[in-house]
Amino acid sequence: ASECRERSIAETIQFEADDVVGSATELQPYTVTGATLQTINLVKGWTWISFGVEAANMSSKSVLSQLKPNEGDVIKGQTGFSQYVNGHGWVGTLDSLESGLTYKIQSESQSDLVFIGEPVDVDDHPIAIKPGWNWVGYLPDNSLSVDQALGSLSSTATNDDILKGQFAFATFSSGSWTGSLGTMVPGDGYLLRAGQTGSLVYPGASGQEQSTATTILANMMSADAPPEWIVNAAQFEKSMTITAALILDNGQSTNDQSLVAAFVGNELRGVAKPVFALDKWVFFLTVYGDTDGETVTFRAYDADRDQVTDILETVQFASEASIGEPRETKSLTSSTATSNEDVNLDELTTSLEQNYPNPVLGRATIPYSIEETATVNIEMFDALGRRIATLLNDQQPAGRYSISLDTSGLAGGLYLYRLRAGNQTLTRTLTVVK
């Protein structure tokens, strides 16, 4: 109790009806071992998990032995998966599980995953981080802020690195992690997108346990905040992230009670309240789905006017895609600001935003803004600097715009797109995947 930790007992006994074990004069000894009991709550649908304890036998069969799975339940790692078959157990390529890695379990019913093992010595268990997506598990037995937990990556983290939990995410910017994910929690799984190699070494136990991710989610999606948008994240296996600013007819939203929600058809796929980051209000929106290419639309709750409005922009769902970042947010424009006449031209600057999705498979959207009437030229180049397409060459008045790009005819790789307007030239990179 002093450690607030559930421990394992070495002895076992056989149940016998009406039997009595031990007495007031001859006590039955129970020996507490160094092993720790880790219990992870699995919901119906998808749950992202990781293990902070390890045992001599880390086979999938052993680790999952206390589960009562259903036919067709699935456990997925970054490089393999197994499925439960009645009479045969877990069948597939995921023969063993590891602490320090994330797994996704799809279950037909709610249950508890109970596993007994020795606590992992975090100093002796560095996690290698590679460029791209890493399915990283959480090893400490107490909750830590993202900045504390990922402190060992501070020298190798790059702007736009992303840490995703199942319900929220954070982006690395200006030396710290900012977003809707503030705390990493034992038993939860995470996806880390890194720009370069590194080594993640979690700090030892310190401080008191903080709020869990589910508590953060509940606070973000409080049922007493109109409208009552509640998303069932466990229903979906995949997700993408959008870091956005909400543009209303009177400018950028600054009310911390406003909401942005994502939909596919009429089905709610994500909802977020703003977080004050880098001196502005930013929406860190996780959008859930199972099928790439679905059209995602948006609605906003304007807390100042107590009304819901449609958003003009749409995006295509792409698993693990990231749109926007805290320094250069994706603009989500309310339909109440339906034309560039409604834009405050005094605050408008010429800018070229990151295309979305990025990386792109198929069609991408490139947003940009023009601060004054000018001939706008947008061209695309390959990695060798050879121009391969002129996307736009026309005069446009001041305002916000976007242009669509079909990449289906391009080979996979890195490309550049350049905007020239007046005496300004802006360039960004785009990655095409096949």
Protein backbone atom coordinates (compact mmCIF):
# COMPACT_ATOMS: atom_id res chain seq x y z
CA ALA A 1 0.00 0.00 0.00
CA SER A 2 2.88 2.39 0.73
CA GLU A 3 3.99 2.04 -2.90
CA CYS A 4 0.43 2.07 -4.28
CA ARG A 5 1.40 -1.00 -6.30
CA GLU A 6 -0.25 -4.40 -6.81
CA ARG A 7 2.18 -7.25 -6.08
CA SER A 8 2.13 -10.97 -6.82
CA ILE A 9 1.86 -13.73 -4.15
CA ALA A 10 4.13 -16.77 -4.51
CA GLU A 11 1.78 -19.33 -2.94
CA THR A 12 -1.27 -20.87 -4.59
CA ILE A 13 -4.02 -22.98 -3.06
CA GLN A 14 -6.72 -25.24 -4.44
CA PHE A 15 -10.31 -24.22 -3.84
CA GLU A 16 -12.26 -26.68 -1.71
CA ALA A 17 -15.80 -25.93 -0.63
CA ASP A 18 -16.13 -25.18 3.12
CA ASP A 19 -12.38 -25.61 3.66
CA VAL A 20 -10.55 -23.28 6.07
CA VAL A 21 -6.89 -22.44 5.48
CA GLY A 22 -4.92 -21.27 8.53
CA SER A 23 -6.16 -20.22 11.94
CA ALA A 24 -5.62 -17.57 14.57
CA THR A 25 -2.81 -19.62 16.09
CA GLU A 26 -1.38 -21.12 12.88
CA LEU A 27 -1.38 -18.45 10.21
CA GLN A 28 -1.09 -19.37 6.55
CA PRO A 29 1.99 -17.52 5.22
CA TYR A 30 1.78 -15.62 1.95
CA THR A 31 5.02 -14.43 0.40
CA VAL A 32 5.03 -11.20 -1.57
CA THR A 33 7.34 -11.49 -4.56
CA GLY A 34 9.09 -8.72 -6.45
CA ALA A 35 6.71 -9.27 -9.36
CA THR A 36 4.11 -6.65 -10.17
CA LEU A 37 0.58 -7.20 -11.37
CA GLN A 38 -0.28 -4.94 -14.30
CA THR A 39 -3.94 -4.65 -15.24
CA ILE A 40 -4.95 -3.02 -18.52
CA ASN A 41 -8.60 -2.30 -19.24
CA LEU A 42 -9.64 -3.33 -22.74
CA VAL A 43 -12.75 -1.74 -24.22
CA LYS A 44 -15.00 -3.22 -26.86
CA GLY A 45 -13.29 -2.25 -30.07
CA TRP A 46 -9.69 -1.01 -30.28
CA THR A 47 -7.39 -0.37 -27.32
CA TRP A 48 -3.78 0.84 -27.58
CA ILE A 49 -1.66 -0.90 -24.94
CA SER A 50 1.92 -1.37 -23.73
CA PHE A 51 3.62 -3.24 -20.90
CA GLY A 52 5.77 -1.79 -18.14
CA VAL A 53 6.64 -5.21 -16.71
CA GLU A 54 8.32 -8.23 -18.25
CA ALA A 55 8.50 -11.94 -17.49
CA ALA A 56 10.80 -14.80 -18.48
CA ASN A 57 8.10 -16.02 -20.87
CA MET A 58 6.91 -13.17 -23.11
CA SER A 59 5.19 -15.34 -25.70
CA SER A 60 1.82 -14.03 -26.87
CA LYS A 61 0.19 -17.16 -25.49
CA SER A 62 1.66 -16.55 -22.02
CA VAL A 63 1.15 -12.79 -21.83
CA LEU A 64 -2.46 -13.03 -23.02
CA SER A 65 -3.27 -16.19 -21.05
CA GLN A 66 -5.55 -14.41 -18.56
CA LEU A 67 -7.72 -12.94 -21.30
CA LYS A 68 -11.03 -14.48 -22.32
CA PRO A 69 -10.86 -13.62 -26.03
CA ASN A 70 -13.54 -14.07 -28.65
CA GLU A 71 -13.22 -15.66 -32.07
CA GLY A 72 -11.71 -13.04 -34.39
CA ASP A 73 -10.10 -10.82 -31.75
CA VAL A 74 -6.87 -9.28 -33.08
CA ILE A 75 -3.60 -8.03 -31.59
CA LYS A 76 -1.37 -5.93 -33.86
CA GLY A 77 2.22 -4.76 -33.50
CA GLN A 78 4.12 -2.48 -35.85
CA THR A 79 5.48 -5.42 -37.85
CA GLY A 80 2.99 -8.26 -37.39
CA PHE A 81 -0.33 -9.42 -35.96
CA SER A 82 -2.16 -12.45 -34.60
CA GLN A 83 -5.83 -13.38 -34.47
CA TYR A 84 -7.67 -15.53 -31.96
CA VAL A 85 -9.13 -18.78 -33.33
CA ASN A 86 -11.29 -20.93 -31.08
CA GLY A 87 -9.56 -24.22 -30.37
CA HIS A 88 -6.20 -22.97 -31.65
CA GLY A 89 -5.49 -19.82 -29.63
CA TRP A 90 -3.57 -16.86 -31.05
CA VAL A 91 -2.53 -17.56 -34.63
CA GLY A 92 -0.29 -15.31 -36.72
CA THR A 93 3.11 -13.67 -36.93
CA LEU A 94 3.10 -12.01 -33.51
CA ASP A 95 4.65 -14.88 -31.56
CA SER A 96 6.01 -12.81 -28.67
CA LEU A 97 5.37 -9.44 -27.06
CA GLU A 98 7.87 -6.92 -25.67
CA SER A 99 7.84 -4.23 -23.04
CA GLY A 100 8.65 -0.87 -24.59
CA LEU A 101 6.50 -1.47 -27.67
CA THR A 102 2.91 -0.54 -28.43
CA TYR A 103 0.23 -2.98 -29.50
CA LYS A 104 -3.35 -2.46 -30.66
CA ILE A 105 -5.96 -4.98 -29.51
CA GLN A 106 -9.38 -5.30 -31.11
CA SER A 107 -11.78 -7.07 -28.78
CA GLU A 108 -15.40 -8.04 -29.24
CA SER A 109 -16.09 -7.44 -25.55
CA GLN A 110 -14.81 -5.40 -22.64
CA SER A 111 -12.29 -7.22 -20.43
CA ASP A 112 -9.15 -6.84 -18.31
CA LEU A 113 -5.70 -7.90 -19.46
CA VAL A 114 -3.85 -9.05 -16.33
CA PHE A 115 -0.13 -9.75 -16.55
CA ILE A 116 2.44 -10.51 -13.84
CA GLY A 117 6.07 -9.57 -14.35
CA GLU A 118 9.09 -7.77 -12.94
CA PRO A 119 9.08 -3.95 -13.27
CA VAL A 120 11.32 -2.86 -16.13
CA ASP A 121 14.52 -1.03 -15.16
CA VAL A 122 14.11 2.01 -17.40
CA ASP A 123 17.83 2.85 -17.30
CA ASP A 124 18.67 -0.55 -18.77
CA HIS A 125 15.90 -0.46 -21.35
CA PRO A 126 16.58 2.29 -23.92
CA ILE A 127 14.15 2.35 -26.83
CA ALA A 128 15.74 2.96 -30.24
CA ILE A 129 13.92 5.69 -32.18
CA LYS A 130 14.13 5.68 -35.96
CA PRO A 131 13.03 8.37 -38.44
CA GLY A 132 9.34 7.92 -39.19
CA TRP A 133 6.71 6.23 -37.05
CA ASN A 134 7.71 4.27 -33.94
CA TRP A 135 5.21 2.23 -31.88
CA VAL A 136 6.67 3.08 -28.47
CA GLY A 137 5.42 1.59 -25.23
CA TYR A 138 5.41 3.33 -21.85
CA LEU A 139 7.68 1.77 -19.20
CA PRO A 140 7.42 3.82 -15.97
CA ASP A 141 4.90 2.69 -13.35
CA ASN A 142 3.67 6.24 -12.74
CA SER A 143 2.25 8.88 -15.05
CA LEU A 144 4.53 11.65 -16.30
CA SER A 145 4.07 14.76 -18.38
CA VAL A 146 5.10 14.34 -22.00
CA ASP A 147 8.03 16.74 -21.49
CA GLN A 148 9.25 14.68 -18.52
CA ALA A 149 8.72 11.29 -20.15
CA LEU A 150 10.45 12.21 -23.43
CA GLY A 151 13.15 14.37 -21.86
CA SER A 152 15.91 12.07 -23.16
CA LEU A 153 14.88 12.98 -26.73
CA SER A 154 15.22 16.74 -26.22
CA SER A 155 18.55 16.87 -28.07
CA THR A 156 17.37 14.85 -31.07
CA ALA A 157 13.70 15.87 -31.33
CA THR A 158 12.88 18.07 -34.30
CA ASN A 159 10.08 20.54 -34.87
CA ASP A 160 6.95 18.75 -36.05
CA ASP A 161 7.79 15.46 -34.29
CA ILE A 162 4.46 14.04 -33.10
CA LEU A 163 3.47 11.84 -30.16
CA LYS A 164 0.03 10.26 -30.62
CA GLY A 165 -2.02 8.53 -27.98
CA GLN A 166 -5.31 6.86 -28.78
CA PHE A 167 -7.29 9.94 -27.74
CA ALA A 168 -4.94 12.92 -28.07
CA PHE A 169 -1.59 14.05 -29.47
CA ALA A 170 1.26 16.51 -28.93
CA THR A 171 3.72 18.17 -31.31
CA PHE A 172 7.33 19.13 -30.55
CA SER A 173 7.86 22.82 -31.20
CA SER A 174 10.28 25.41 -29.83
CA GLY A 175 11.88 22.97 -27.40
CA SER A 176 8.78 21.48 -25.77
CA TRP A 177 5.77 19.27 -26.43
CA THR A 178 2.48 21.08 -26.98
CA GLY A 179 -0.99 19.72 -27.67
CA SER A 180 -4.01 17.93 -26.28
CA LEU A 181 -1.84 15.07 -24.92
CA GLY A 182 -0.25 16.31 -21.71
CA THR A 183 0.41 13.07 -19.81
CA MET A 184 1.75 9.60 -20.60
CA VAL A 185 0.08 6.81 -18.63
CA PRO A 186 1.12 3.25 -17.65
CA GLY A 187 -0.54 0.61 -19.82
CA ASP A 188 -1.31 3.01 -22.67
CA GLY A 189 0.30 2.72 -26.11
CA TYR A 190 1.74 5.57 -28.17
CA LEU A 191 2.94 6.27 -31.72
CA LEU A 192 5.95 8.59 -32.09
CA ARG A 193 6.83 10.19 -35.41
CA ALA A 194 10.48 11.28 -35.29
CA GLY A 195 12.50 13.31 -37.76
CA GLN A 196 15.79 11.65 -36.86
CA THR A 197 17.29 8.82 -34.85
CA GLY A 198 17.39 8.96 -31.08
CA SER A 199 17.32 6.91 -27.90
CA LEU A 200 14.35 7.11 -25.53
CA VAL A 201 15.25 6.42 -21.90
CA TYR A 202 12.35 7.05 -19.55
CA PRO A 203 13.10 8.69 -16.19
CA GLY A 204 12.76 6.67 -13.00
CA ALA A 205 9.67 6.92 -10.80
CA SER A 206 9.16 10.44 -9.48
CA GLY A 207 6.23 12.53 -8.45
CA GLN A 208 2.63 11.51 -8.05
CA GLU A 209 0.49 9.86 -10.62
CA GLN A 210 -1.30 12.39 -12.77
CA SER A 211 -4.56 12.32 -14.70
CA THR A 212 -5.00 9.55 -17.26
CA ALA A 213 -5.56 9.96 -20.97
CA THR A 214 -9.18 8.99 -20.56
CA THR A 215 -9.58 11.81 -18.01
CA ILE A 216 -8.00 14.23 -20.47
CA LEU A 217 -10.40 13.01 -23.13
CA ALA A 218 -13.36 13.46 -20.79
CA ASN A 219 -12.28 17.02 -20.05
CA MET A 220 -11.89 17.79 -23.76
CA MET A 221 -15.29 16.36 -24.58
CA SER A 222 -17.26 17.46 -21.53
CA ALA A 223 -20.88 16.47 -21.97
CA ASP A 224 -22.11 19.76 -20.47
CA ALA A 225 -20.45 21.78 -23.26
CA PRO A 226 -22.86 22.42 -26.14
CA PRO A 227 -23.12 20.64 -28.47
CA GLU A 228 -22.66 17.19 -26.92
CA TRP A 229 -20.17 15.83 -29.43
CA ILE A 230 -18.75 12.56 -28.08
CA VAL A 231 -16.66 10.31 -30.35
CA ASN A 232 -16.14 6.58 -29.80
CA ALA A 233 -12.43 6.32 -30.61
CA ALA A 234 -12.32 2.60 -29.82
CA GLN A 235 -14.53 1.94 -32.85
CA PHE A 236 -11.66 2.79 -35.22
CA GLU A 237 -8.20 1.35 -35.71
CA LYS A 238 -6.53 4.30 -37.48
CA SER A 239 -6.24 8.04 -36.99
CA MET A 240 -4.74 11.22 -38.42
CA THR A 241 -3.96 14.53 -36.72
CA ILE A 242 -4.86 18.11 -37.60
CA THR A 243 -3.35 21.14 -35.86
CA ALA A 244 -5.70 23.96 -36.72
CA ALA A 245 -6.90 27.49 -36.09
CA LEU A 246 -10.62 28.26 -36.27
CA ILE A 247 -11.38 31.28 -38.47
CA LEU A 248 -14.71 32.97 -37.79
CA ASP A 249 -16.21 35.99 -39.50
CA ASN A 250 -14.63 38.25 -36.87
CA GLY A 251 -11.17 36.64 -37.12
CA GLN A 252 -9.45 33.76 -35.37
CA SER A 253 -11.41 32.17 -32.52
CA THR A 254 -10.06 33.02 -29.05
CA ASN A 255 -12.78 31.42 -26.90
CA ASP A 256 -11.49 28.37 -25.00
CA GLN A 257 -15.00 26.85 -24.99
CA SER A 258 -15.31 26.68 -28.77
CA LEU A 259 -15.15 23.26 -30.45
CA VAL A 260 -14.12 21.83 -33.79
CA ALA A 261 -15.54 18.47 -34.88
CA ALA A 262 -14.75 16.18 -37.82
CA PHE A 263 -17.34 14.10 -39.68
CA VAL A 264 -17.52 11.50 -42.42
CA GLY A 265 -21.06 11.84 -43.67
CA ASN A 266 -23.03 12.37 -40.47
CA GLU A 267 -20.75 10.17 -38.37
CA LEU A 268 -18.64 12.01 -35.78
CA ARG A 269 -14.94 11.14 -36.21
CA GLY A 270 -13.19 13.58 -33.86
CA VAL A 271 -13.66 16.62 -31.64
CA ALA A 272 -11.30 19.06 -29.92
CA LYS A 273 -11.24 22.11 -27.68
CA PRO A 274 -8.47 24.66 -28.21
CA VAL A 275 -5.19 24.70 -26.28
CA PHE A 276 -3.32 27.97 -25.71
CA ALA A 277 0.05 27.37 -27.38
CA LEU A 278 2.66 29.78 -28.80
CA ASP A 279 0.51 32.77 -27.83
CA LYS A 280 -2.59 31.62 -29.71
CA TRP A 281 -5.50 29.20 -29.43
CA VAL A 282 -4.80 25.98 -31.34
CA PHE A 283 -7.09 22.99 -31.96
CA PHE A 284 -5.28 19.63 -31.74
CA LEU A 285 -7.84 17.45 -33.50
CA THR A 286 -7.49 13.67 -33.81
CA VAL A 287 -9.61 12.29 -36.66
CA TYR A 288 -10.46 8.56 -36.55
CA GLY A 289 -11.19 6.19 -39.42
CA ASP A 290 -10.54 2.84 -41.05
CA THR A 291 -10.48 3.65 -44.77
CA ASP A 292 -8.06 6.02 -46.50
CA GLY A 293 -9.62 8.40 -49.00
CA GLU A 294 -12.82 9.14 -47.07
CA THR A 295 -13.85 12.81 -47.30
CA VAL A 296 -13.71 14.49 -43.89
CA THR A 297 -15.88 17.54 -43.30
CA PHE A 298 -15.89 19.83 -40.28
CA ARG A 299 -18.27 21.77 -38.08
CA ALA A 300 -17.48 24.31 -35.40
CA TYR A 301 -19.21 25.41 -32.24
CA ASP A 302 -18.78 29.18 -31.87
CA ALA A 303 -18.99 29.66 -28.10
CA ASP A 304 -19.22 33.46 -28.41
CA ARG A 305 -22.46 33.16 -30.38
CA ASP A 306 -23.59 29.78 -29.03
CA GLN A 307 -24.10 28.40 -32.52
CA VAL A 308 -22.82 25.59 -34.76
CA THR A 309 -21.51 26.45 -38.22
CA ASP A 310 -20.15 24.42 -41.12
CA ILE A 311 -16.47 24.65 -42.09
CA LEU A 312 -15.57 25.38 -45.70
CA GLU A 313 -12.45 23.17 -45.90
CA THR A 314 -12.48 19.39 -46.33
CA VAL A 315 -9.63 16.86 -46.20
CA GLN A 316 -9.14 13.28 -47.30
CA PHE A 317 -8.63 10.79 -44.47
CA ALA A 318 -5.14 9.28 -44.55
CA SER A 319 -3.92 7.00 -41.77
CA GLU A 320 -1.08 8.55 -39.71
CA ALA A 321 -1.12 11.75 -41.80
CA SER A 322 -0.47 15.04 -40.02
CA ILE A 323 -1.86 18.35 -41.21
CA GLY A 324 -0.56 21.62 -39.78
CA GLU A 325 1.65 22.22 -36.76
CA PRO A 326 1.62 24.75 -33.90
CA ARG A 327 3.74 27.36 -35.68
CA GLU A 328 1.80 27.10 -38.96
CA THR A 329 -1.69 25.89 -38.23
CA LYS A 330 -4.20 24.62 -40.76
CA SER A 331 -6.98 27.20 -41.18
CA LEU A 332 -10.53 25.92 -40.70
CA THR A 333 -12.83 28.64 -41.95
CA SER A 334 -16.40 29.00 -40.75
CA SER A 335 -19.07 29.23 -43.45
CA THR A 336 -20.07 32.55 -41.87
CA ALA A 337 -16.88 33.92 -43.50
CA THR A 338 -17.78 32.70 -46.97
CA SER A 339 -15.69 35.01 -49.12
CA ASN A 340 -12.41 36.87 -49.13
CA GLU A 341 -14.37 40.08 -48.61
CA ASP A 342 -14.87 38.82 -45.04
CA VAL A 343 -11.13 38.36 -44.45
CA ASN A 344 -9.35 41.09 -42.48
CA LEU A 345 -6.88 42.18 -45.15
CA ASP A 346 -4.83 44.17 -42.63
CA GLU A 347 -3.92 40.92 -40.88
CA LEU A 348 -3.38 38.88 -44.06
CA THR A 349 0.16 37.99 -45.14
CA THR A 350 1.43 36.13 -48.17
CA SER A 351 2.01 32.55 -47.05
CA LEU A 352 2.39 29.05 -48.44
CA GLU A 353 1.06 26.31 -46.15
CA GLN A 354 2.12 22.68 -45.96
CA ASN A 355 0.16 20.48 -48.32
CA TYR A 356 -2.24 17.96 -46.78
CA PRO A 357 -2.10 15.11 -46.43
CA ASN A 358 1.68 14.78 -46.28
CA PRO A 359 3.00 12.25 -47.18
CA VAL A 360 0.43 12.00 -49.96
CA LEU A 361 -0.96 9.04 -51.86
CA GLY A 362 -3.23 10.37 -54.61
CA ARG A 363 -4.61 13.90 -54.32
CA ALA A 364 -3.22 16.68 -52.13
CA THR A 365 -4.37 20.20 -51.28
CA ILE A 366 -1.98 23.17 -51.10
CA PRO A 367 -3.37 26.17 -49.15
CA TYR A 368 -1.90 29.66 -49.58
CA SER A 369 -2.69 33.32 -48.91
CA ILE A 370 -2.01 36.51 -50.88
CA GLU A 371 -1.74 39.83 -49.03
CA GLU A 372 -2.40 42.03 -52.09
CA THR A 373 -3.45 41.67 -55.71
CA ALA A 374 -0.61 40.02 -57.62
CA THR A 375 0.28 37.56 -60.36
CA VAL A 376 0.51 34.26 -58.53
CA ASN A 377 2.77 31.53 -59.87
CA ILE A 378 2.90 28.07 -58.26
CA GLU A 379 5.29 25.51 -59.73
CA MET A 380 6.43 22.02 -58.79
CA PHE A 381 9.97 20.62 -58.97
CA ASP A 382 11.58 17.25 -58.46
CA ALA A 383 14.42 16.60 -55.99
CA LEU A 384 17.00 17.61 -58.65
CA GLY A 385 15.38 21.01 -59.09
CA ARG A 386 13.79 20.27 -62.47
CA ARG A 387 10.41 21.91 -63.00
CA ILE A 388 7.80 19.25 -63.68
CA ALA A 389 4.55 21.23 -63.55
CA THR A 390 3.06 24.72 -63.39
CA LEU A 391 0.05 24.52 -61.10
CA LEU A 392 -1.06 28.15 -61.33
CA ASN A 393 -0.07 31.30 -63.20
CA ASP A 394 -2.76 33.93 -62.85
CA GLN A 395 -3.57 37.25 -61.22
CA GLN A 396 -5.50 36.97 -57.93
CA PRO A 397 -6.83 39.53 -55.44
CA ALA A 398 -5.83 39.42 -51.77
CA GLY A 399 -7.33 36.47 -49.94
CA ARG A 400 -6.99 32.86 -48.85
CA TYR A 401 -6.89 30.12 -51.49
CA SER A 402 -6.07 26.47 -52.06
CA ILE A 403 -5.10 24.44 -55.10
CA SER A 404 -5.59 20.72 -55.69
CA LEU A 405 -2.75 18.49 -56.92
CA ASP A 406 -3.09 14.98 -58.37
CA THR A 407 0.10 13.00 -57.60
CA SER A 408 -1.07 9.68 -59.07
CA GLY A 409 1.25 10.14 -62.07
CA LEU A 410 4.33 10.94 -59.99
CA ALA A 411 6.95 8.49 -58.76
CA GLY A 412 7.38 8.13 -55.02
CA GLY A 413 9.88 10.55 -53.48
CA LEU A 414 10.54 14.11 -52.40
CA TYR A 415 9.28 17.12 -54.42
CA LEU A 416 9.25 20.89 -53.96
CA TYR A 417 6.50 23.37 -54.73
CA ARG A 418 7.16 27.11 -54.99
CA LEU A 419 4.88 30.15 -54.79
CA ARG A 420 5.86 33.49 -56.27
CA ALA A 421 3.63 36.53 -55.72
CA GLY A 422 4.86 40.08 -56.15
CA ASN A 423 8.41 40.21 -54.79
CA GLN A 424 7.93 37.19 -52.48
CA THR A 425 9.04 33.60 -53.12
CA LEU A 426 8.08 30.75 -50.77
CA THR A 427 8.96 27.06 -51.06
CA ARG A 428 7.86 23.86 -49.31
CA THR A 429 8.51 20.14 -49.72
CA LEU A 430 6.02 17.39 -50.50
CA THR A 431 6.51 13.64 -50.14
CA VAL A 432 4.75 11.25 -52.53
CA VAL A 433 4.34 7.63 -51.44
CA LYS A 434 3.34 4.66 -53.58
